[in-house]
C-alpha atoms as a PDB file:
ATOM      1  CA  MET A   1      -3.516  10.998  26.155  1.00  0.00           C
ATOM      2  CA  SER A   2      -3.854   7.332  27.632  1.00  0.00           C
ATOM      3  CA  ALA A   3      -4.540   4.002  27.147  1.00  0.00           C
ATOM      4  CA  VAL A   4      -3.382   0.647  28.480  1.00  0.00           C
ATOM      5  CA  PHE A   5      -1.417  -2.363  26.114  1.00  0.00           C
ATOM      6  CA  GLN A   6      -0.640  -5.759  27.350  1.00  0.00           C
ATOM      7  CA  SER A   7       3.409  -5.984  28.015  1.00  0.00           C
ATOM      8  CA  PHE A   8       4.830  -8.636  26.047  1.00  0.00           C
ATOM      9  CA  PRO A   9       8.432  -9.434  27.761  1.00  0.00           C
ATOM     10  CA  ASP A  10       9.688 -11.289  24.737  1.00  0.00           C
ATOM     11  CA  HIS A  11       9.388  -8.063  22.970  1.00  0.00           C
ATOM     12  CA  PRO A  12      11.907  -5.203  24.259  1.00  0.00           C
ATOM     13  CA  PRO A  13      11.584  -1.538  23.205  1.00  0.00           C
ATOM     14  CA  LEU A  14      13.336  -0.480  20.181  1.00  0.00           C
ATOM     15  CA  GLY A  15      17.201   1.381  20.699  1.00  0.00           C
ATOM     16  CA  GLY A  16      18.844   3.686  19.319  1.00  0.00           C
ATOM     17  CA  ARG A  17      21.097   1.438  17.052  1.00  0.00           C
ATOM     18  CA  GLU A  18      18.018  -0.617  15.344  1.00  0.00           C
ATOM     19  CA  ALA A  19      16.758   2.798  14.737  1.00  0.00           C
ATOM     20  CA  VAL A  20      19.145   3.818  13.325  1.00  0.00           C
ATOM     21  CA  ALA A  21      19.478   0.805  10.923  1.00  0.00           C
ATOM     22  CA  LEU A  22      15.506   1.085  10.126  1.00  0.00           C
ATOM     23  CA  PHE A  23      15.887   4.356   9.015  1.00  0.00           C
ATOM     24  CA  ALA A  24      19.024   4.025   6.485  1.00  0.00           C
ATOM     25  CA  GLY A  25      16.773   4.049   3.590  1.00  0.00           C
ATOM     26  CA  LEU A  26      15.576   7.831   4.986  1.00  0.00           C
ATOM     27  CA  ALA A  27      18.944   9.046   5.772  1.00  0.00           C
ATOM     28  CA  GLY A  28      19.696  11.122   2.036  1.00  0.00           C
ATOM     29  CA  GLU A  29      16.322  12.590   1.987  1.00  0.00           C
ATOM     30  CA  ALA A  30      15.785  16.541   2.444  1.00  0.00           C
ATOM     31  CA  ARG A  31      12.539  16.491   4.582  1.00  0.00           C
ATOM     32  CA  LEU A  32       9.919  14.129   6.183  1.00  0.00           C
ATOM     33  CA  LEU A  33       6.771  13.687   6.971  1.00  0.00           C
ATOM     34  CA  VAL A  34       5.816  11.759   9.643  1.00  0.00           C
ATOM     35  CA  ALA A  35       1.696  10.705  10.099  1.00  0.00           C
ATOM     36  CA  VAL A  36       0.838  10.800  13.733  1.00  0.00           C
ATOM     37  CA  SER A  37      -2.027   9.302  14.726  1.00  0.00           C
ATOM     38  CA  GLY A  38      -1.416   9.055  18.650  1.00  0.00           C
ATOM     39  CA  GLY A  39      -1.138   5.359  19.038  1.00  0.00           C
ATOM     40  CA  PRO A  40       1.352   3.915  20.477  1.00  0.00           C
ATOM     41  CA  ASP A  41       2.488   2.328  16.764  1.00  0.00           C
ATOM     42  CA  SER A  42       3.188   6.210  15.702  1.00  0.00           C
ATOM     43  CA  VAL A  43       4.096   8.027  18.554  1.00  0.00           C
ATOM     44  CA  ALA A  44       6.905   5.796  18.921  1.00  0.00           C
ATOM     45  CA  LEU A  45       8.288   6.478  15.233  1.00  0.00           C
ATOM     46  CA  LEU A  46       7.880   9.864  16.151  1.00  0.00           C
ATOM     47  CA  ALA A  47      10.273   9.417  19.132  1.00  0.00           C
ATOM     48  CA  LEU A  48      12.666   7.476  17.526  1.00  0.00           C
ATOM     49  CA  LEU A  49      12.998   9.758  14.312  1.00  0.00           C
ATOM     50  CA  ALA A  50      12.641  13.079  16.167  1.00  0.00           C
ATOM     51  CA  GLU A  51      16.020  11.275  18.291  1.00  0.00           C
ATOM     52  CA  TRP A  52      17.175   9.894  14.837  1.00  0.00           C
ATOM     53  CA  ALA A  53      16.622  13.349  12.852  1.00  0.00           C
ATOM     54  CA  ARG A  54      18.978  15.482  15.577  1.00  0.00           C
ATOM     55  CA  GLU A  55      22.174  14.325  14.278  1.00  0.00           C
ATOM     56  CA  THR A  56      23.714  15.998  11.640  1.00  0.00           C
ATOM     57  CA  SER A  57      23.226  16.150   8.284  1.00  0.00           C
ATOM     58  CA  ARG A  58      19.832  14.069   8.559  1.00  0.00           C
ATOM     59  CA  PRO A  59      16.134  15.184   6.861  1.00  0.00           C
ATOM     60  CA  ALA A  60      14.313  18.250   8.612  1.00  0.00           C
ATOM     61  CA  LEU A  61      11.204  16.392  10.685  1.00  0.00           C
ATOM     62  CA  HIS A  62       8.013  17.584  10.326  1.00  0.00           C
ATOM     63  CA  ALA A  63       4.750  15.816  11.505  1.00  0.00           C
ATOM     64  CA  ALA A  64       0.924  16.001  11.016  1.00  0.00           C
ATOM     65  CA  THR A  65      -1.977  14.394  12.171  1.00  0.00           C
ATOM     66  CA  VAL A  66      -5.071  13.926  10.267  1.00  0.00           C
ATOM     67  CA  ASP A  67      -8.612  14.746  12.522  1.00  0.00           C
ATOM     68  CA  HIS A  68     -11.070  12.876  10.331  1.00  0.00           C
ATOM     69  CA  GLY A  69     -13.965  14.585  13.004  1.00  0.00           C
ATOM     70  CA  LEU A  70     -15.308  10.936  13.331  1.00  0.00           C
ATOM     71  CA  ARG A  71     -15.718  11.254  16.803  1.00  0.00           C
ATOM     72  CA  PRO A  72     -16.674  13.744  19.308  1.00  0.00           C
ATOM     73  CA  GLU A  73     -13.118  13.399  20.835  1.00  0.00           C
ATOM     74  CA  SER A  74     -11.200  13.578  17.979  1.00  0.00           C
ATOM     75  CA  GLY A  75      -9.926  16.802  18.045  1.00  0.00           C
ATOM     76  CA  GLU A  76      -8.955  16.619  21.500  1.00  0.00           C
ATOM     77  CA  GLU A  77      -6.941  14.350  20.722  1.00  0.00           C
ATOM     78  CA  ALA A  78      -5.372  15.813  18.065  1.00  0.00           C
ATOM     79  CA  ALA A  79      -4.821  18.825  20.251  1.00  0.00           C
ATOM     80  CA  GLY A  80      -2.935  16.069  22.357  1.00  0.00           C
ATOM     81  CA  VAL A  81      -0.705  14.459  19.676  1.00  0.00           C
ATOM     82  CA  ALA A  82       0.067  18.643  18.830  1.00  0.00           C
ATOM     83  CA  ALA A  83       0.985  19.147  22.719  1.00  0.00           C
ATOM     84  CA  LEU A  84       3.615  15.812  22.195  1.00  0.00           C
ATOM     85  CA  VAL A  85       4.764  16.481  19.315  1.00  0.00           C
ATOM     86  CA  ALA A  86       5.635  20.253  20.364  1.00  0.00           C
ATOM     87  CA  ARG A  87       7.658  18.434  23.581  1.00  0.00           C
ATOM     88  CA  LEU A  88       9.924  16.641  21.281  1.00  0.00           C
ATOM     89  CA  GLY A  89      10.991  19.498  18.660  1.00  0.00           C
ATOM     90  CA  VAL A  90       9.276  18.782  15.871  1.00  0.00           C
ATOM     91  CA  GLN A  91       7.085  20.642  13.487  1.00  0.00           C
ATOM     92  CA  HIS A  92       3.234  19.768  13.775  1.00  0.00           C
ATOM     93  CA  SER A  93       0.038  20.387  11.561  1.00  0.00           C
ATOM     94  CA  ILE A  94      -3.375  19.259  11.870  1.00  0.00           C
ATOM     95  CA  LEU A  95      -5.206  18.116   8.832  1.00  0.00           C
ATOM     96  CA  ARG A  96      -8.860  17.797   9.426  1.00  0.00           C
ATOM     97  CA  TRP A  97     -11.231  15.922   6.976  1.00  0.00           C
ATOM     98  CA  ASP A  98     -13.803  18.108   6.883  1.00  0.00           C
ATOM     99  CA  ASP A  99     -16.217  16.349   3.861  1.00  0.00           C
ATOM    100  CA  PRO A 100     -19.563  15.153   4.369  1.00  0.00           C
ATOM    101  CA  LYS A 101     -19.031  11.619   5.711  1.00  0.00           C
ATOM    102  CA  PRO A 102     -20.042   8.285   4.432  1.00  0.00           C
ATOM    103  CA  THR A 103     -22.820   5.855   5.295  1.00  0.00           C
ATOM    104  CA  THR A 104     -20.841   2.975   3.756  1.00  0.00           C
ATOM    105  CA  GLY A 105     -16.978   2.281   3.134  1.00  0.00           C
ATOM    106  CA  LEU A 106     -16.430   4.574   6.026  1.00  0.00           C
ATOM    107  CA  GLN A 107     -12.737   3.002   6.712  1.00  0.00           C
ATOM    108  CA  GLU A 108     -12.077   2.786   3.172  1.00  0.00           C
ATOM    109  CA  ARG A 109     -13.034   6.477   2.429  1.00  0.00           C
ATOM    110  CA  ALA A 110     -11.727   7.407   5.739  1.00  0.00           C
ATOM    111  CA  ARG A 111      -7.943   5.907   4.525  1.00  0.00           C
ATOM    112  CA  ALA A 112      -8.170   7.764   1.247  1.00  0.00           C
ATOM    113  CA  ALA A 113      -8.840  11.752   2.345  1.00  0.00           C
ATOM    114  CA  ARG A 114      -6.132  10.449   5.206  1.00  0.00           C
ATOM    115  CA  TYR A 115      -3.780  10.221   2.231  1.00  0.00           C
ATOM    116  CA  ALA A 116      -4.859  13.130  -0.030  1.00  0.00           C
ATOM    117  CA  LEU A 117      -4.286  15.082   3.230  1.00  0.00           C
ATOM    118  CA  LEU A 118      -0.970  14.167   3.688  1.00  0.00           C
ATOM    119  CA  ALA A 119       0.041  14.166   0.071  1.00  0.00           C
ATOM    120  CA  GLN A 120      -0.876  18.405   0.276  1.00  0.00           C
ATOM    121  CA  GLU A 121       1.003  18.535   3.416  1.00  0.00           C
ATOM    122  CA  ALA A 122       3.897  16.790   1.696  1.00  0.00           C
ATOM    123  CA  GLN A 123       3.529  19.456  -1.181  1.00  0.00           C
ATOM    124  CA  ARG A 124       3.354  22.109   0.735  1.00  0.00           C
ATOM    125  CA  LEU A 125       6.480  21.420   2.550  1.00  0.00           C
ATOM    126  CA  GLY A 126       8.151  21.433  -0.803  1.00  0.00           C
ATOM    127  CA  GLY A 127       8.175  17.639  -1.078  1.00  0.00           C
ATOM    128  CA  ALA A 128       8.698  15.119   2.144  1.00  0.00           C
ATOM    129  CA  VAL A 129       8.901  11.820   2.162  1.00  0.00           C
ATOM    130  CA  LEU A 130       5.645  10.437   3.925  1.00  0.00           C
ATOM    131  CA  VAL A 131       6.845   8.361   6.540  1.00  0.00           C
ATOM    132  CA  THR A 132       4.020   5.764   8.115  1.00  0.00           C
ATOM    133  CA  ALA A 133       4.324   3.479  11.092  1.00  0.00           C
ATOM    134  CA  HIS A 134       2.966   0.199   9.451  1.00  0.00           C
ATOM    135  CA  THR A 135       3.776  -2.959  11.473  1.00  0.00           C
ATOM    136  CA  GLN A 136       4.855  -6.499  11.197  1.00  0.00           C
ATOM    137  CA  ASP A 137       1.057  -7.110  12.218  1.00  0.00           C
ATOM    138  CA  ASP A 138      -0.512  -5.183  10.000  1.00  0.00           C
ATOM    139  CA  GLN A 139       1.266  -6.302   7.570  1.00  0.00           C
ATOM    140  CA  ALA A 140      -0.142  -9.878   8.535  1.00  0.00           C
ATOM    141  CA  GLU A 141      -3.650  -8.179   8.687  1.00  0.00           C
ATOM    142  CA  THR A 142      -3.193  -7.033   4.902  1.00  0.00           C
ATOM    143  CA  LEU A 143      -1.853  -9.976   3.731  1.00  0.00           C
ATOM    144  CA  LEU A 144      -5.016 -12.334   4.919  1.00  0.00           C
ATOM    145  CA  MET A 145      -7.353  -9.550   3.571  1.00  0.00           C
ATOM    146  CA  ARG A 146      -5.891  -9.853   0.364  1.00  0.00           C
ATOM    147  CA  LEU A 147      -6.031 -13.757   0.268  1.00  0.00           C
ATOM    148  CA  ALA A 148      -9.144 -13.384   1.487  1.00  0.00           C
ATOM    149  CA  ARG A 149     -10.358 -11.742  -1.795  1.00  0.00           C
ATOM    150  CA  GLY A 150      -8.734 -13.718  -4.130  1.00  0.00           C
ATOM    151  CA  SER A 151      -5.240 -11.618  -5.008  1.00  0.00           C
ATOM    152  CA  GLY A 152      -2.459 -12.780  -6.813  1.00  0.00           C
ATOM    153  CA  PRO A 153       1.068 -12.787  -6.008  1.00  0.00           C
ATOM    154  CA  ALA A 154       1.212  -9.278  -6.711  1.00  0.00           C
ATOM    155  CA  GLY A 155      -1.287  -8.574  -3.949  1.00  0.00           C
ATOM    156  CA  LEU A 156       0.253 -11.098  -1.368  1.00  0.00           C
ATOM    157  CA  ALA A 157       3.120  -9.789  -1.440  1.00  0.00           C
ATOM    158  CA  GLY A 158       2.027  -7.145   0.901  1.00  0.00           C
ATOM    159  CA  MET A 159       2.605  -3.633   1.766  1.00  0.00           C
ATOM    160  CA  ARG A 160       5.926  -2.738   0.375  1.00  0.00           C
ATOM    161  CA  GLU A 161       8.750  -0.916   2.695  1.00  0.00           C
ATOM    162  CA  ARG A 162       8.624   2.054  -0.250  1.00  0.00           C
ATOM    163  CA  ILE A 163       6.094   3.072  -2.684  1.00  0.00           C
ATOM    164  CA  GLU A 164       4.659   6.326  -4.419  1.00  0.00           C
ATOM    165  CA  LYS A 165       1.312   7.274  -3.087  1.00  0.00           C
ATOM    166  CA  ASN A 166      -1.000   9.900  -4.300  1.00  0.00           C
ATOM    167  CA  GLY A 167       2.334  11.102  -5.818  1.00  0.00           C
ATOM    168  CA  MET A 168       4.659  11.212  -2.908  1.00  0.00           C
ATOM    169  CA  PRO A 169       7.068   8.581  -1.907  1.00  0.00           C
ATOM    170  CA  LEU A 170       5.491   6.629   1.390  1.00  0.00           C
ATOM    171  CA  ALA A 171       8.127   4.568   3.407  1.00  0.00           C
ATOM    172  CA  ARG A 172       7.546   2.169   5.687  1.00  0.00           C
ATOM    173  CA  PRO A 173      10.313   1.182   8.269  1.00  0.00           C
ATOM    174  CA  PHE A 174       8.436  -0.432  10.578  1.00  0.00           C
ATOM    175  CA  LEU A 175       7.258  -3.385   7.998  1.00  0.00           C
ATOM    176  CA  GLY A 176       9.362  -5.958   9.825  1.00  0.00           C
ATOM    177  CA  VAL A 177       8.803  -4.804  13.824  1.00  0.00           C
ATOM    178  CA  PRO A 178       5.936  -6.358  15.693  1.00  0.00           C
ATOM    179  CA  LYS A 179       3.727  -4.442  17.114  1.00  0.00           C
ATOM    180  CA  ALA A 180       4.739  -5.266  20.571  1.00  0.00           C
ATOM    181  CA  ARG A 181       7.777  -3.545  20.390  1.00  0.00           C
ATOM    182  CA  LEU A 182       6.597  -0.308  19.945  1.00  0.00           C
ATOM    183  CA  VAL A 183       3.871  -0.322  22.367  1.00  0.00           C
ATOM    184  CA  ALA A 184       7.130  -1.166  24.513  1.00  0.00           C
ATOM    185  CA  THR A 185       9.016   1.665  23.529  1.00  0.00           C
ATOM    186  CA  VAL A 186       6.609   4.210  24.339  1.00  0.00           C
ATOM    187  CA  GLN A 187       6.024   2.650  27.720  1.00  0.00           C
ATOM    188  CA  ALA A 188       9.621   2.382  28.239  1.00  0.00           C
ATOM    189  CA  ARG A 189       9.969   6.311  27.512  1.00  0.00           C
ATOM    190  CA  GLY A 190       7.045   7.201  29.458  1.00  0.00           C
ATOM    191  CA  LEU A 191       5.403   8.585  26.447  1.00  0.00           C
ATOM    192  CA  PRO A 192       1.607   9.030  26.245  1.00  0.00           C
ATOM    193  CA  PHE A 193      -0.596   7.469  23.352  1.00  0.00           C
ATOM    194  CA  VAL A 194      -4.281   6.877  23.013  1.00  0.00           C
ATOM    195  CA  ALA A 195      -6.272   3.797  21.525  1.00  0.00           C
ATOM    196  CA  ASP A 196      -8.549   4.401  18.848  1.00  0.00           C
ATOM    197  CA  PRO A 197     -12.208   2.410  19.686  1.00  0.00           C
ATOM    198  CA  SER A 198     -13.063   1.559  16.288  1.00  0.00           C
ATOM    199  CA  ASN A 199      -9.469  -0.852  16.487  1.00  0.00           C
ATOM    200  CA  GLY A 200     -11.667  -3.104  18.716  1.00  0.00           C
ATOM    201  CA  ASP A 201     -15.188  -2.534  15.789  1.00  0.00           C
ATOM    202  CA  ARG A 202     -15.997  -5.414  14.503  1.00  0.00           C
ATOM    203  CA  ARG A 203     -18.020  -4.036  11.765  1.00  0.00           C
ATOM    204  CA  PHE A 204     -14.465  -3.605  10.185  1.00  0.00           C
ATOM    205  CA  GLU A 205     -12.833  -6.028   7.892  1.00  0.00           C
ATOM    206  CA  ARG A 206      -8.982  -5.269   8.881  1.00  0.00           C
ATOM    207  CA  VAL A 207     -10.746  -5.466  13.245  1.00  0.00           C
ATOM    208  CA  ARG A 208     -12.340  -8.547  12.425  1.00  0.00           C
ATOM    209  CA  TRP A 209      -9.059 -10.693  11.209  1.00  0.00           C
ATOM    210  CA  ARG A 210      -6.911  -9.084  13.707  1.00  0.00           C
ATOM    211  CA  MET A 211      -9.462 -10.814  16.246  1.00  0.00           C
ATOM    212  CA  LEU A 212      -8.499 -14.149  14.632  1.00  0.00           C
ATOM    213  CA  MET A 213      -4.592 -13.515  14.488  1.00  0.00           C
ATOM    214  CA  PRO A 214      -3.947 -15.112  18.676  1.00  0.00           C
ATOM    215  CA  THR A 215      -5.784 -18.396  16.964  1.00  0.00           C
ATOM    216  CA  LEU A 216      -3.629 -18.238  14.008  1.00  0.00           C
ATOM    217  CA  ALA A 217      -0.527 -18.086  16.099  1.00  0.00           C
ATOM    218  CA  ASP A 218      -1.502 -20.933  18.371  1.00  0.00           C
ATOM    219  CA  ALA A 219      -1.853 -22.782  15.031  1.00  0.00           C
ATOM    220  CA  GLY A 220       1.392 -21.806  13.990  1.00  0.00           C
ATOM    221  CA  LEU A 221       0.588 -18.989  11.505  1.00  0.00           C
ATOM    222  CA  GLY A 222       1.556 -15.930  13.626  1.00  0.00           C
ATOM    223  CA  ALA A 223       2.441 -12.024  12.193  1.00  0.00           C
ATOM    224  CA  GLU A 224       5.940 -13.130  11.833  1.00  0.00           C
ATOM    225  CA  ARG A 225       5.336 -16.013   9.426  1.00  0.00           C
ATOM    226  CA  LEU A 226       2.872 -14.299   7.319  1.00  0.00           C
ATOM    227  CA  ALA A 227       5.297 -11.577   6.882  1.00  0.00           C
ATOM    228  CA  PHE A 228       7.540 -13.541   5.742  1.00  0.00           C
ATOM    229  CA  PHE A 229       5.589 -15.209   3.803  1.00  0.00           C
ATOM    230  CA  ALA A 230       5.050 -11.511   2.281  1.00  0.00           C
ATOM    231  CA  ARG A 231       8.598 -10.599   1.640  1.00  0.00           C
ATOM    232  CA  ARG A 232       9.166 -14.085  -0.459  1.00  0.00           C
ATOM    233  CA  MET A 233       5.980 -13.100  -2.538  1.00  0.00           C
ATOM    234  CA  ALA A 234       7.570 -10.078  -3.500  1.00  0.00           C
ATOM    235  CA  ARG A 235      10.337 -11.283  -4.242  1.00  0.00           C
ATOM    236  CA  LEU A 236       8.588 -13.142  -6.848  1.00  0.00           C
ATOM    237  CA  ASP A 237       6.232 -10.643  -8.077  1.00  0.00           C
ATOM    238  CA  GLU A 238       9.664  -8.401  -8.639  1.00  0.00           C
ATOM    239  CA  ALA A 239      11.206 -11.585 -10.792  1.00  0.00           C
ATOM    240  CA  VAL A 240       7.729 -11.600 -12.864  1.00  0.00           C
ATOM    241  CA  ALA A 241       7.316  -8.453 -13.084  1.00  0.00           C
ATOM    242  CA  ARG A 242      10.839  -7.877 -14.771  1.00  0.00           C
ATOM    243  CA  ARG A 243      10.734 -10.805 -17.069  1.00  0.00           C
ATOM    244  CA  ALA A 244       7.059  -8.745 -17.987  1.00  0.00           C
ATOM    245  CA  GLN A 245       8.734  -5.828 -18.704  1.00  0.00           C
ATOM    246  CA  VAL A 246      11.218  -7.442 -21.350  1.00  0.00           C
ATOM    247  CA  LEU A 247       8.912  -9.217 -23.116  1.00  0.00           C
ATOM    248  CA  LEU A 248       6.718  -6.358 -23.491  1.00  0.00           C
ATOM    249  CA  ALA A 249       9.346  -4.385 -25.321  1.00  0.00           C
ATOM    250  CA  GLU A 250      10.271  -7.726 -27.235  1.00  0.00           C
ATOM    251  CA  LEU A 251       7.068  -8.540 -28.944  1.00  0.00           C
ATOM    252  CA  ARG A 252       5.891  -4.953 -29.289  1.00  0.00           C
ATOM    253  CA  LEU A 253       4.944  -4.046 -32.817  1.00  0.00           C
ATOM    254  CA  PRO A 254       5.295  -0.429 -34.120  1.00  0.00           C
ATOM    255  CA  ALA A 255       1.574   0.991 -34.031  1.00  0.00           C
ATOM    256  CA  LEU A 256      -0.165   1.832 -36.873  1.00  0.00           C
ATOM    257  CA  GLY A 257      -2.160   5.097 -37.449  1.00  0.00           C
ATOM    258  CA  ALA A 258      -4.035   6.387 -33.927  1.00  0.00           C
ATOM    259  CA  PRO A 259      -2.592   5.622 -30.342  1.00  0.00           C
ATOM    260  CA  VAL A 260      -2.337   1.965 -30.208  1.00  0.00           C
ATOM    261  CA  LEU A 261      -0.136  -1.210 -28.181  1.00  0.00           C
ATOM    262  CA  ARG A 262       0.362  -4.129 -30.135  1.00  0.00           C
ATOM    263  CA  LEU A 263       1.832  -6.887 -29.412  1.00  0.00           C
ATOM    264  CA  ARG A 264       3.245 -10.342 -30.892  1.00  0.00           C
ATOM    265  CA  PHE A 265       0.153 -12.407 -28.805  1.00  0.00           C
ATOM    266  CA  ASP A 266       1.155 -15.800 -30.590  1.00  0.00           C
ATOM    267  CA  ALA A 267       4.633 -15.435 -29.210  1.00  0.00           C
ATOM    268  CA  LEU A 268       3.336 -14.121 -25.531  1.00  0.00           C
ATOM    269  CA  LEU A 269       1.535 -17.746 -25.356  1.00  0.00           C
ATOM    270  CA  ALA A 270       4.469 -19.547 -25.261  1.00  0.00           C
ATOM    271  CA  GLU A 271       5.010 -18.124 -21.821  1.00  0.00           C
ATOM    272  CA  PRO A 272       3.872 -19.513 -18.689  1.00  0.00           C
ATOM    273  CA  GLU A 273       0.633 -18.135 -17.913  1.00  0.00           C
ATOM    274  CA  GLU A 274       1.302 -15.998 -15.032  1.00  0.00           C
ATOM    275  CA  ILE A 275       3.733 -14.030 -17.665  1.00  0.00           C
ATOM    276  CA  VAL A 276       1.582 -13.561 -19.918  1.00  0.00           C
ATOM    277  CA  LEU A 277      -1.515 -12.153 -17.563  1.00  0.00           C
ATOM    278  CA  ARG A 278       1.444  -9.785 -16.200  1.00  0.00           C
ATOM    279  CA  VAL A 279       2.425  -8.566 -19.549  1.00  0.00           C
ATOM    280  CA  VAL A 280      -1.452  -7.882 -20.696  1.00  0.00           C
ATOM    281  CA  ALA A 281      -1.785  -5.891 -17.412  1.00  0.00           C
ATOM    282  CA  GLN A 282       1.421  -3.723 -17.834  1.00  0.00           C
ATOM    283  CA  ALA A 283       0.472  -3.325 -21.631  1.00  0.00           C
ATOM    284  CA  LEU A 284      -3.113  -1.943 -20.048  1.00  0.00           C
ATOM    285  CA  GLN A 285      -1.152   0.467 -17.507  1.00  0.00           C
ATOM    286  CA  GLU A 286       0.791   1.608 -20.185  1.00  0.00           C
ATOM    287  CA  ILE A 287      -2.030   2.815 -21.842  1.00  0.00           C
ATOM    288  CA  GLY A 288      -3.509   4.489 -19.260  1.00  0.00           C
ATOM    289  CA  GLY A 289      -6.259   1.655 -17.912  1.00  0.00           C
ATOM    290  CA  ASP A 290      -8.145   2.600 -15.527  1.00  0.00           C
ATOM    291  CA  ALA A 291      -6.144   2.381 -11.831  1.00  0.00           C
ATOM    292  CA  GLY A 292      -8.234   4.276  -9.554  1.00  0.00           C
ATOM    293  CA  ALA A 293     -11.219   1.319 -10.135  1.00  0.00           C
ATOM    294  CA  ALA A 294     -11.860  -1.632  -7.600  1.00  0.00           C
ATOM    295  CA  THR A 295      -9.345  -4.168  -8.796  1.00  0.00           C
ATOM    296  CA  ARG A 296     -10.481  -8.012  -9.882  1.00  0.00           C
ATOM    297  CA  LEU A 297      -7.963 -10.252 -10.892  1.00  0.00           C
ATOM    298  CA  GLU A 298     -10.801 -12.495 -12.352  1.00  0.00           C
ATOM    299  CA  ARG A 299     -11.351 -10.387 -14.410  1.00  0.00           C
ATOM    300  CA  LEU A 300      -8.188 -10.358 -16.335  1.00  0.00           C
ATOM    301  CA  GLU A 301      -7.622 -13.989 -16.060  1.00  0.00           C
ATOM    302  CA  ALA A 302     -11.130 -14.186 -17.870  1.00  0.00           C
ATOM    303  CA  CYS A 303     -10.288 -11.816 -20.911  1.00  0.00           C
ATOM    304  CA  VAL A 304      -6.863 -13.115 -21.480  1.00  0.00           C
ATOM    305  CA  ASP A 305      -8.348 -16.932 -21.515  1.00  0.00           C
ATOM    306  CA  ALA A 306     -10.964 -15.576 -24.220  1.00  0.00           C
ATOM    307  CA  LEU A 307      -7.972 -13.993 -25.905  1.00  0.00           C
ATOM    308  CA  ARG A 308      -5.648 -17.575 -25.922  1.00  0.00           C
ATOM    309  CA  GLY A 309      -9.134 -19.489 -26.715  1.00  0.00           C
ATOM    310  CA  ALA A 310      -9.231 -17.332 -29.834  1.00  0.00           C
ATOM    311  CA  ALA A 311      -5.698 -17.579 -30.889  1.00  0.00           C
ATOM    312  CA  LEU A 312      -5.246 -21.195 -30.926  1.00  0.00           C
ATOM    313  CA  ALA A 313      -8.546 -21.338 -32.856  1.00  0.00           C
ATOM    314  CA  GLY A 314      -7.302 -18.565 -34.892  1.00  0.00           C
ATOM    315  CA  ALA A 315     -10.525 -16.270 -34.969  1.00  0.00           C
ATOM    316  CA  PRO A 316     -10.922 -12.463 -34.122  1.00  0.00           C
ATOM    317  CA  ILE A 317     -11.989 -11.513 -30.696  1.00  0.00           C
ATOM    318  CA  ALA A 318     -12.440  -8.016 -28.809  1.00  0.00           C
ATOM    319  CA  ARG A 319     -12.926  -8.127 -24.998  1.00  0.00           C
ATOM    320  CA  THR A 320     -13.053  -4.784 -22.694  1.00  0.00           C
ATOM    321  CA  LEU A 321     -11.183  -4.277 -19.678  1.00  0.00           C
ATOM    322  CA  SER A 322      -9.721  -1.454 -17.286  1.00  0.00           C
ATOM    323  CA  GLY A 323     -11.439   1.104 -19.532  1.00  0.00           C
ATOM    324  CA  CYS A 324      -9.325  -0.312 -22.897  1.00  0.00           C
ATOM    325  CA  ILE A 325     -10.222  -2.486 -26.155  1.00  0.00           C
ATOM    326  CA  LEU A 326      -8.007  -5.512 -26.434  1.00  0.00           C
ATOM    327  CA  ALA A 327      -8.444  -6.588 -29.948  1.00  0.00           C
ATOM    328  CA  LEU A 328      -7.138 -10.000 -31.285  1.00  0.00           C
ATOM    329  CA  GLY A 329      -7.027  -9.719 -35.244  1.00  0.00           C
ATOM    330  CA  PRO A 330      -6.517 -13.137 -37.184  1.00  0.00           C
ATOM    331  CA  ASP A 331      -3.521 -12.678 -37.895  1.00  0.00           C
ATOM    332  CA  ALA A 332      -2.556 -13.599 -33.646  1.00  0.00           C
ATOM    333  CA  VAL A 333      -1.749  -9.294 -33.384  1.00  0.00           C
ATOM    334  CA  LEU A 334      -2.839  -7.767 -30.180  1.00  0.00           C
ATOM    335  CA  ALA A 335      -4.094  -4.547 -30.152  1.00  0.00           C
ATOM    336  CA  LEU A 336      -5.167  -2.155 -26.804  1.00  0.00           C
ATOM    337  CA  ARG A 337      -6.171   1.393 -27.079  1.00  0.00           C
ATOM    338  CA  ARG A 338      -8.344   3.211 -24.661  1.00  0.00           C
ATOM    339  CA  GLU A 339     -11.646   2.354 -24.990  1.00  0.00           C
ATOM    340  CA  GLY A 340     -13.326   6.287 -25.393  1.00  0.00           C
ATOM    341  CA  PRO A 341     -16.065   7.660 -23.516  1.00  0.00           C
ATOM    342  CA  ARG A 342     -17.552   4.587 -22.353  1.00  0.00           C
ATOM    343  CA  ARG A 343     -15.526   3.162 -19.700  1.00  0.00           C
ATOM    344  CA  ARG A 344     -15.921   0.173 -18.035  1.00  0.00           C
ATOM    345  CA  GLY A 345     -13.776  -2.775 -16.227  1.00  0.00           C
ATOM    346  CA  VAL A 346     -11.121  -2.786 -13.754  1.00  0.00           C
ATOM    347  CA  HIS A 347      -7.386  -2.178 -13.652  1.00  0.00           C
ATOM    348  CA  PRO A 348      -5.429  -5.628 -13.196  1.00  0.00           C
ATOM    349  CA  ALA A 349      -2.091  -4.843 -12.064  1.00  0.00           C
ATOM    350  CA  ALA A 350      -2.676  -3.864  -8.406  1.00  0.00           C
ATOM    351  CA  SER A 351      -4.200  -7.263  -7.697  1.00  0.00           C
END
């Protein structure tokens, strides 16, 4: 395991006191599963967590490496990671993605497979919190990708420090830490690491954005500013989501017969447009709208616009979205129910 990364004098290594602060939210867990790819970010996370976890009453620490089998040397690299983890005194597993590899959407499929394997390992351990080494740079790249795809406030909030993923808790303690500081950390400790050649492959969207980052930074839009913007959007998103949750409860009407969620849509239209969108999105989620489909905010906006126009005209209308039927009656009551065997549309809530 070896690679060469540029040194940045303005980005010192992370120290033990900083690690204690960064990992404070993990102290009450029973066990942690750290994902270690062998790159500098995850090696720094592993080393700091291993040191932190030696203290009394800290969580049991485990590590796992996913071998995607996409390159001939991947097995050897995973073995190298296993040797490093053993050197740091942490239990380790190599998880292999043995499924046939797709010819399109490779990174997305590999990512889905990686989290599925890690979720299985977390469950095998008796329920562990997965910890990943996503950095401030990763956050900035994610924000740019979502901005280019037309995401709304929820998407522009970027990655969150803690979420549920594949049925397991996922923590990202380094979201506010520049990647350069993690590189400095492993270099200062003399720890080996690898550089995945796919990180420079322009076929992948994230790589293309990564290559643009120095130009954006020169214009004043560096990773730190983008991550700061994401935090502001997360604050806004939380406020809007809470207001929508309250309104969903207030405007709900008793269901009549089949499992249907009914809302006073005329009263909802008195709210700002973003709140209307969120209430409908939350209602779709509650009745089991398709969460696995590709998310398009535009579909939700078009559907709500059509419902709004019909409500103002006093006309009934029905639309399908996220595998659900949204039917507005002449009484301005909106009824939402699952569509049945024929499922179409997308889930809007994560856009």
